[in-house]
PDB file of N, CA and C in Angstrom:
ATOM      1  N   MET A   1      64.803 108.586  64.364  1.00  0.00           N
ATOM      2  CA  MET A   1      64.954 109.938  64.881  1.00  0.00           C
ATOM      3  C   MET A   1      66.392 110.123  65.338  1.00  0.00           C
ATOM      4  N   ALA A   2      67.037 111.192  64.895  1.00  0.00           N
ATOM      5  CA  ALA A   2      68.424 111.471  65.250  1.00  0.00           C
ATOM      6  C   ALA A   2      68.499 111.955  66.699  1.00  0.00           C
ATOM      7  N   LYS A   3      69.601 111.596  67.336  1.00  0.00           N
ATOM      8  CA  LYS A   3      69.818 112.049  68.702  1.00  0.00           C
ATOM      9  C   LYS A   3      69.958 113.571  68.706  1.00  0.00           C
ATOM     10  N   GLU A   4      69.318 114.214  69.666  1.00  0.00           N
ATOM     11  CA  GLU A   4      69.359 115.664  69.760  1.00  0.00           C
ATOM     12  C   GLU A   4      70.784 116.127  70.056  1.00  0.00           C
ATOM     13  N   ASP A   5      71.241 117.109  69.271  1.00  0.00           N
ATOM     14  CA  ASP A   5      72.560 117.678  69.537  1.00  0.00           C
ATOM     15  C   ASP A   5      72.507 118.474  70.826  1.00  0.00           C
ATOM     16  N   LYS A   6      73.543 118.337  71.616  1.00  0.00           N
ATOM     17  CA  LYS A   6      73.613 119.071  72.876  1.00  0.00           C
ATOM     18  C   LYS A   6      74.777 120.035  72.804  1.00  0.00           C
ATOM     19  N   LYS A   7      74.568 121.206  73.334  1.00  0.00           N
ATOM     20  CA  LYS A   7      75.597 122.240  73.376  1.00  0.00           C
ATOM     21  C   LYS A   7      76.399 122.092  74.658  1.00  0.00           C
ATOM     22  N   GLN A   8      77.675 122.363  74.568  1.00  0.00           N
ATOM     23  CA  GLN A   8      78.519 122.360  75.747  1.00  0.00           C
ATOM     24  C   GLN A   8      78.600 123.785  76.270  1.00  0.00           C
ATOM     25  N   VAL A   9      78.383 123.937  77.577  1.00  0.00           N
ATOM     26  CA  VAL A   9      78.394 125.247  78.201  1.00  0.00           C
ATOM     27  C   VAL A   9      79.312 125.200  79.418  1.00  0.00           C
ATOM     28  N   PRO A  10      80.388 125.990  79.399  1.00  0.00           N
ATOM     29  CA  PRO A  10      81.222 126.044  80.601  1.00  0.00           C
ATOM     30  C   PRO A  10      80.427 126.702  81.729  1.00  0.00           C
ATOM     31  N   LEU A  11      80.515 126.148  82.898  1.00  0.00           N
ATOM     32  CA  LEU A  11      79.724 126.656  84.021  1.00  0.00           C
ATOM     33  C   LEU A  11      80.596 126.736  85.262  1.00  0.00           C
ATOM     34  N   ARG A  12      80.631 127.903  85.872  1.00  0.00           N
ATOM     35  CA  ARG A  12      81.384 128.075  87.104  1.00  0.00           C
ATOM     36  C   ARG A  12      80.396 128.093  88.265  1.00  0.00           C
ATOM     37  N   LEU A  13      80.664 127.275  89.266  1.00  0.00           N
ATOM     38  CA  LEU A  13      79.812 127.181  90.450  1.00  0.00           C
ATOM     39  C   LEU A  13      80.658 127.373  91.695  1.00  0.00           C
ATOM     40  N   SER A  14      80.066 127.927  92.724  1.00  0.00           N
ATOM     41  CA  SER A  14      80.764 127.986  94.001  1.00  0.00           C
ATOM     42  C   SER A  14      80.901 126.561  94.520  1.00  0.00           C
ATOM     43  N   ALA A  15      81.875 126.346  95.372  1.00  0.00           N
ATOM     44  CA  ALA A  15      82.113 125.009  95.918  1.00  0.00           C
ATOM     45  C   ALA A  15      80.894 124.520  96.699  1.00  0.00           C
ATOM     46  N   SER A  16      80.244 125.412  97.429  1.00  0.00           N
ATOM     47  CA  SER A  16      79.083 125.000  98.229  1.00  0.00           C
ATOM     48  C   SER A  16      77.903 124.619  97.332  1.00  0.00           C
ATOM     49  N   LEU A  17      77.667 125.373  96.268  1.00  0.00           N
ATOM     50  CA  LEU A  17      76.577 125.035  95.349  1.00  0.00           C
ATOM     51  C   LEU A  17      76.872 123.726  94.642  1.00  0.00           C
ATOM     52  N   TYR A  18      78.122 123.534  94.249  1.00  0.00           N
ATOM     53  CA  TYR A  18      78.521 122.283  93.608  1.00  0.00           C
ATOM     54  C   TYR A  18      78.217 121.096  94.521  1.00  0.00           C
ATOM     55  N   GLN A  19      78.582 121.209  95.790  1.00  0.00           N
ATOM     56  CA  GLN A  19      78.347 120.120  96.737  1.00  0.00           C
ATOM     57  C   GLN A  19      76.850 119.846  96.913  1.00  0.00           C
ATOM     58  N   GLU A  20      76.060 120.913  96.998  1.00  0.00           N
ATOM     59  CA  GLU A  20      74.602 120.760  97.139  1.00  0.00           C
ATOM     60  C   GLU A  20      74.013 120.043  95.924  1.00  0.00           C
ATOM     61  N   LEU A  21      74.411 120.481  94.740  1.00  0.00           N
ATOM     62  CA  LEU A  21      73.897 119.865  93.518  1.00  0.00           C
ATOM     63  C   LEU A  21      74.358 118.421  93.378  1.00  0.00           C
ATOM     64  N   ALA A  22      75.611 118.161  93.736  1.00  0.00           N
ATOM     65  CA  ALA A  22      76.138 116.799  93.638  1.00  0.00           C
ATOM     66  C   ALA A  22      75.388 115.859  94.580  1.00  0.00           C
ATOM     67  N   ALA A  23      75.109 116.312  95.796  1.00  0.00           N
ATOM     68  CA  ALA A  23      74.364 115.486  96.747  1.00  0.00           C
ATOM     69  C   ALA A  23      72.938 115.255  96.253  1.00  0.00           C
ATOM     70  N   TRP A  24      72.316 116.296  95.730  1.00  0.00           N
ATOM     71  CA  TRP A  24      70.955 116.186  95.202  1.00  0.00           C
ATOM     72  C   TRP A  24      70.932 115.214  94.031  1.00  0.00           C
ATOM     73  N   ALA A  25      71.918 115.318  93.134  1.00  0.00           N
ATOM     74  CA  ALA A  25      71.992 114.421  91.985  1.00  0.00           C
ATOM     75  C   ALA A  25      72.125 112.976  92.444  1.00  0.00           C
ATOM     76  N   GLU A  26      72.966 112.749  93.446  1.00  0.00           N
ATOM     77  CA  GLU A  26      73.153 111.389  93.960  1.00  0.00           C
ATOM     78  C   GLU A  26      71.845 110.849  94.536  1.00  0.00           C
ATOM     79  N   ASN A  27      71.115 111.678  95.269  1.00  0.00           N
ATOM     80  CA  ASN A  27      69.823 111.254  95.831  1.00  0.00           C
ATOM     81  C   ASN A  27      68.813 110.912  94.749  1.00  0.00           C
ATOM     82  N   ASP A  28      68.901 111.610  93.622  1.00  0.00           N
ATOM     83  CA  ASP A  28      67.972 111.382  92.510  1.00  0.00           C
ATOM     84  C   ASP A  28      68.510 110.387  91.482  1.00  0.00           C
ATOM     85  N   PHE A  29      69.659 109.763  91.789  1.00  0.00           N
ATOM     86  CA  PHE A  29      70.294 108.784  90.890  1.00  0.00           C
ATOM     87  C   PHE A  29      70.582 109.374  89.515  1.00  0.00           C
ATOM     88  N   ARG A  30      71.113 110.589  89.504  1.00  0.00           N
ATOM     89  CA  ARG A  30      71.505 111.253  88.267  1.00  0.00           C
ATOM     90  C   ARG A  30      72.963 111.663  88.371  1.00  0.00           C
ATOM     91  N   SER A  31      73.563 111.917  87.212  1.00  0.00           N
ATOM     92  CA  SER A  31      74.879 112.546  87.203  1.00  0.00           C
ATOM     93  C   SER A  31      74.687 114.017  87.549  1.00  0.00           C
ATOM     94  N   LEU A  32      75.756 114.678  87.921  1.00  0.00           N
ATOM     95  CA  LEU A  32      75.657 116.118  88.211  1.00  0.00           C
ATOM     96  C   LEU A  32      75.183 116.867  86.976  1.00  0.00           C
ATOM     97  N   ASN A  33      75.734 116.539  85.820  1.00  0.00           N
ATOM     98  CA  ASN A  33      75.316 117.181  84.579  1.00  0.00           C
ATOM     99  C   ASN A  33      73.827 116.925  84.307  1.00  0.00           C
ATOM    100  N   GLY A  34      73.391 115.679  84.505  1.00  0.00           N
ATOM    101  CA  GLY A  34      71.983 115.338  84.303  1.00  0.00           C
ATOM    102  C   GLY A  34      71.078 116.091  85.257  1.00  0.00           C
ATOM    103  N   GLN A  35      71.536 116.284  86.492  1.00  0.00           N
ATOM    104  CA  GLN A  35      70.735 117.018  87.487  1.00  0.00           C
ATOM    105  C   GLN A  35      70.601 118.478  87.087  1.00  0.00           C
ATOM    106  N   ILE A  36      71.705 119.083  86.675  1.00  0.00           N
ATOM    107  CA  ILE A  36      71.658 120.492  86.258  1.00  0.00           C
ATOM    108  C   ILE A  36      70.753 120.652  85.047  1.00  0.00           C
ATOM    109  N   GLU A  37      70.853 119.745  84.076  1.00  0.00           N
ATOM    110  CA  GLU A  37      69.984 119.810  82.895  1.00  0.00           C
ATOM    111  C   GLU A  37      68.515 119.632  83.293  1.00  0.00           C
ATOM    112  N   PHE A  38      68.243 118.700  84.197  1.00  0.00           N
ATOM    113  CA  PHE A  38      66.878 118.476  84.671  1.00  0.00           C
ATOM    114  C   PHE A  38      66.321 119.738  85.337  1.00  0.00           C
ATOM    115  N   LEU A  39      67.106 120.341  86.221  1.00  0.00           N
ATOM    116  CA  LEU A  39      66.650 121.541  86.929  1.00  0.00           C
ATOM    117  C   LEU A  39      66.417 122.703  85.972  1.00  0.00           C
ATOM    118  N   LEU A  40      67.306 122.886  85.018  1.00  0.00           N
ATOM    119  CA  LEU A  40      67.121 123.963  84.044  1.00  0.00           C
ATOM    120  C   LEU A  40      65.885 123.722  83.186  1.00  0.00           C
ATOM    121  N   THR A  41      65.651 122.478  82.794  1.00  0.00           N
ATOM    122  CA  THR A  41      64.463 122.142  82.008  1.00  0.00           C
ATOM    123  C   THR A  41      63.193 122.443  82.799  1.00  0.00           C
ATOM    124  N   GLU A  42      63.182 122.072  84.077  1.00  0.00           N
ATOM    125  CA  GLU A  42      62.025 122.358  84.922  1.00  0.00           C
ATOM    126  C   GLU A  42      61.798 123.860  85.065  1.00  0.00           C
ATOM    127  N   CYS A  43      62.870 124.625  85.204  1.00  0.00           N
ATOM    128  CA  CYS A  43      62.744 126.078  85.317  1.00  0.00           C
ATOM    129  C   CYS A  43      62.161 126.691  84.047  1.00  0.00           C
ATOM    130  N   VAL A  44      62.611 126.205  82.902  1.00  0.00           N
ATOM    131  CA  VAL A  44      62.096 126.721  81.632  1.00  0.00           C
ATOM    132  C   VAL A  44      60.617 126.371  81.483  1.00  0.00           C
ATOM    133  N   ARG A  45      60.231 125.148  81.838  1.00  0.00           N
ATOM    134  CA  ARG A  45      58.806 124.762  81.779  1.00  0.00           C
ATOM    135  C   ARG A  45      57.960 125.646  82.685  1.00  0.00           C
ATOM    136  N   TYR A  46      58.456 125.878  83.895  1.00  0.00           N
ATOM    137  CA  TYR A  46      57.730 126.731  84.845  1.00  0.00           C
ATOM    138  C   TYR A  46      57.604 128.144  84.290  1.00  0.00           C
ATOM    139  N   ARG A  47      58.682 128.648  83.741  1.00  0.00           N
ATOM    140  CA  ARG A  47      58.677 129.997  83.179  1.00  0.00           C
ATOM    141  C   ARG A  47      57.664 130.114  82.041  1.00  0.00           C
ATOM    142  N   LYS A  48      57.600 129.100  81.195  1.00  0.00           N
ATOM    143  CA  LYS A  48      56.646 129.123  80.080  1.00  0.00           C
ATOM    144  C   LYS A  48      55.209 129.102  80.586  1.00  0.00           C
ATOM    145  N   ARG A  49      54.963 128.319  81.654  1.00  0.00           N
ATOM    146  CA  ARG A  49      53.604 128.248  82.208  1.00  0.00           C
ATOM    147  C   ARG A  49      53.187 129.565  82.830  1.00  0.00           C
ATOM    148  N   THR A  50      54.109 130.223  83.522  1.00  0.00           N
ATOM    149  CA  THR A  50      53.759 131.443  84.238  1.00  0.00           C
ATOM    150  C   THR A  50      53.964 132.700  83.408  1.00  0.00           C
ATOM    151  N   ALA A  51      54.642 132.583  82.282  1.00  0.00           N
ATOM    152  CA  ALA A  51      54.925 133.768  81.456  1.00  0.00           C
ATOM    153  C   ALA A  51      53.654 134.411  80.922  1.00  0.00           C
ATOM    154  N   ARG A  52      52.613 133.624  80.737  1.00  0.00           N
ATOM    155  CA  ARG A  52      51.356 134.183  80.228  1.00  0.00           C
ATOM    156  C   ARG A  52      50.782 135.214  81.187  1.00  0.00           C
ATOM    157  N   ASP A  53      51.025 135.028  82.485  1.00  0.00           N
ATOM    158  CA  ASP A  53      50.461 135.917  83.490  1.00  0.00           C
ATOM    159  C   ASP A  53      51.441 137.002  83.932  1.00  0.00           C
ATOM    160  N   THR A  54      52.656 136.959  83.423  1.00  0.00           N
ATOM    161  CA  THR A  54      53.681 137.903  83.829  1.00  0.00           C
ATOM    162  C   THR A  54      53.908 138.901  82.713  1.00  0.00           C
ATOM    163  N   PRO A  55      53.812 140.196  83.012  1.00  0.00           N
ATOM    164  CA  PRO A  55      54.050 141.178  81.954  1.00  0.00           C
ATOM    165  C   PRO A  55      55.510 141.166  81.524  1.00  0.00           C
ATOM    166  N   ALA A  56      55.730 141.492  80.264  1.00  0.00           N
ATOM    167  CA  ALA A  56      57.102 141.605  79.771  1.00  0.00           C
ATOM    168  C   ALA A  56      57.771 142.769  80.487  1.00  0.00           C
ATOM    169  N   LEU A  57      59.077 142.715  80.601  1.00  0.00           N
ATOM    170  CA  LEU A  57      59.807 143.758  81.299  1.00  0.00           C
ATOM    171  C   LEU A  57      59.525 145.122  80.693  1.00  0.00           C
ATOM    172  N   SER A  58      59.332 145.170  79.373  1.00  0.00           N
ATOM    173  CA  SER A  58      59.053 146.447  78.713  1.00  0.00           C
ATOM    174  C   SER A  58      57.677 146.991  79.082  1.00  0.00           C
ATOM    175  N   GLU A  59      56.797 146.137  79.638  1.00  0.00           N
ATOM    176  CA  GLU A  59      55.452 146.577  80.007  1.00  0.00           C
ATOM    177  C   GLU A  59      55.361 147.003  81.467  1.00  0.00           C
ATOM    178  N   VAL A  60      56.417 146.796  82.242  1.00  0.00           N
ATOM    179  CA  VAL A  60      56.401 147.153  83.652  1.00  0.00           C
ATOM    180  C   VAL A  60      56.769 148.629  83.775  1.00  0.00           C
ATOM    181  N   PRO A  61      55.948 149.439  84.481  1.00  0.00           N
ATOM    182  CA  PRO A  61      56.265 150.856  84.638  1.00  0.00           C
ATOM    183  C   PRO A  61      57.599 151.039  85.365  1.00  0.00           C
ATOM    184  N   GLU A  62      58.305 152.119  85.021  1.00  0.00           N
ATOM    185  CA  GLU A  62      59.611 152.368  85.623  1.00  0.00           C
ATOM    186  C   GLU A  62      59.536 152.496  87.141  1.00  0.00           C
ATOM    187  N   ASP A  63      58.435 153.014  87.661  1.00  0.00           N
ATOM    188  CA  ASP A  63      58.327 153.215  89.105  1.00  0.00           C
ATOM    189  C   ASP A  63      57.678 152.026  89.817  1.00  0.00           C
ATOM    190  N   ALA A  64      57.635 150.881  89.173  1.00  0.00           N
ATOM    191  CA  ALA A  64      56.965 149.710  89.746  1.00  0.00           C
ATOM    192  C   ALA A  64      57.595 149.273  91.056  1.00  0.00           C
ATOM    193  N   GLY A  65      58.891 149.470  91.219  1.00  0.00           N
ATOM    194  CA  GLY A  65      59.550 149.059  92.451  1.00  0.00           C
ATOM    195  C   GLY A  65      59.664 150.177  93.468  1.00  0.00           C
ATOM    196  N   ALA A  66      59.149 151.352  93.124  1.00  0.00           N
ATOM    197  CA  ALA A  66      59.251 152.495  94.035  1.00  0.00           C
ATOM    198  C   ALA A  66      58.336 152.302  95.242  1.00  0.00           C
ATOM    199  N   PRO A  67      58.751 152.819  96.398  1.00  0.00           N
ATOM    200  CA  PRO A  67      57.896 152.691  97.581  1.00  0.00           C
ATOM    201  C   PRO A  67      56.595 153.476  97.397  1.00  0.00           C
ATOM    202  N   LEU A  68      55.564 153.004  98.029  1.00  0.00           N
ATOM    203  CA  LEU A  68      54.273 153.694  97.957  1.00  0.00           C
ATOM    204  C   LEU A  68      54.333 154.990  98.757  1.00  0.00           C
ATOM    205  N   PRO A  69      53.592 155.998  98.308  1.00  0.00           N
ATOM    206  CA  PRO A  69      53.572 157.252  99.078  1.00  0.00           C
ATOM    207  C   PRO A  69      52.862 157.016 100.412  1.00  0.00           C
ATOM    208  N   PRO A  70      53.163 157.826 101.418  1.00  0.00           N
ATOM    209  CA  PRO A  70      52.505 157.665 102.721  1.00  0.00           C
ATOM    210  C   PRO A  70      50.985 157.837 102.588  1.00  0.00           C
ATOM    211  N   GLN A  71      50.255 157.031 103.307  1.00  0.00           N
ATOM    212  CA  GLN A  71      48.802 157.082 103.281  1.00  0.00           C
ATOM    213  C   GLN A  71      48.309 157.903 104.470  1.00  0.00           C
ATOM    214  N   PRO A  72      47.187 158.604 104.291  1.00  0.00           N
ATOM    215  CA  PRO A  72      46.639 159.373 105.412  1.00  0.00           C
ATOM    216  C   PRO A  72      46.222 158.448 106.550  1.00  0.00           C
ATOM    217  N   ASP A  73      46.324 158.936 107.751  1.00  0.00           N
ATOM    218  CA  ASP A  73      45.944 158.173 108.932  1.00  0.00           C
ATOM    219  C   ASP A  73      44.427 158.032 108.966  1.00  0.00           C
ATOM    220  N   LYS A  74      43.926 156.787 109.045  1.00  0.00           N
ATOM    221  CA  LYS A  74      42.486 156.515 109.017  1.00  0.00           C
ATOM    222  C   LYS A  74      41.970 156.096 110.389  1.00  0.00           C
ATOM    223  N   THR A  75      42.596 156.554 111.442  1.00  0.00           N
ATOM    224  CA  THR A  75      42.187 156.143 112.792  1.00  0.00           C
ATOM    225  C   THR A  75      41.012 156.957 113.304  1.00  0.00           C
ATOM    226  N   THR A  76      40.619 158.024 112.617  1.00  0.00           N
ATOM    227  CA  THR A  76      39.508 158.845 113.104  1.00  0.00           C
ATOM    228  C   THR A  76      38.194 158.374 112.576  1.00  0.00           C
TER     229      THR A  76
END
């Protein structure tokens, strides 16, 4: 089996995020690149698992984020 080709992607990170990821990678005994790849892979797996229950953006009504209209007072 041939080794999977990997794409190179330039990535800009804030200094604070870089430090957080680097520390996390060290705790997990991974390189920073390996940690980022691991996290992205986990996110994609999670997205695939939950995508079945999530409507596509084209299926979400335009007013889905609109505030609800005021409800009548039910204290009586």
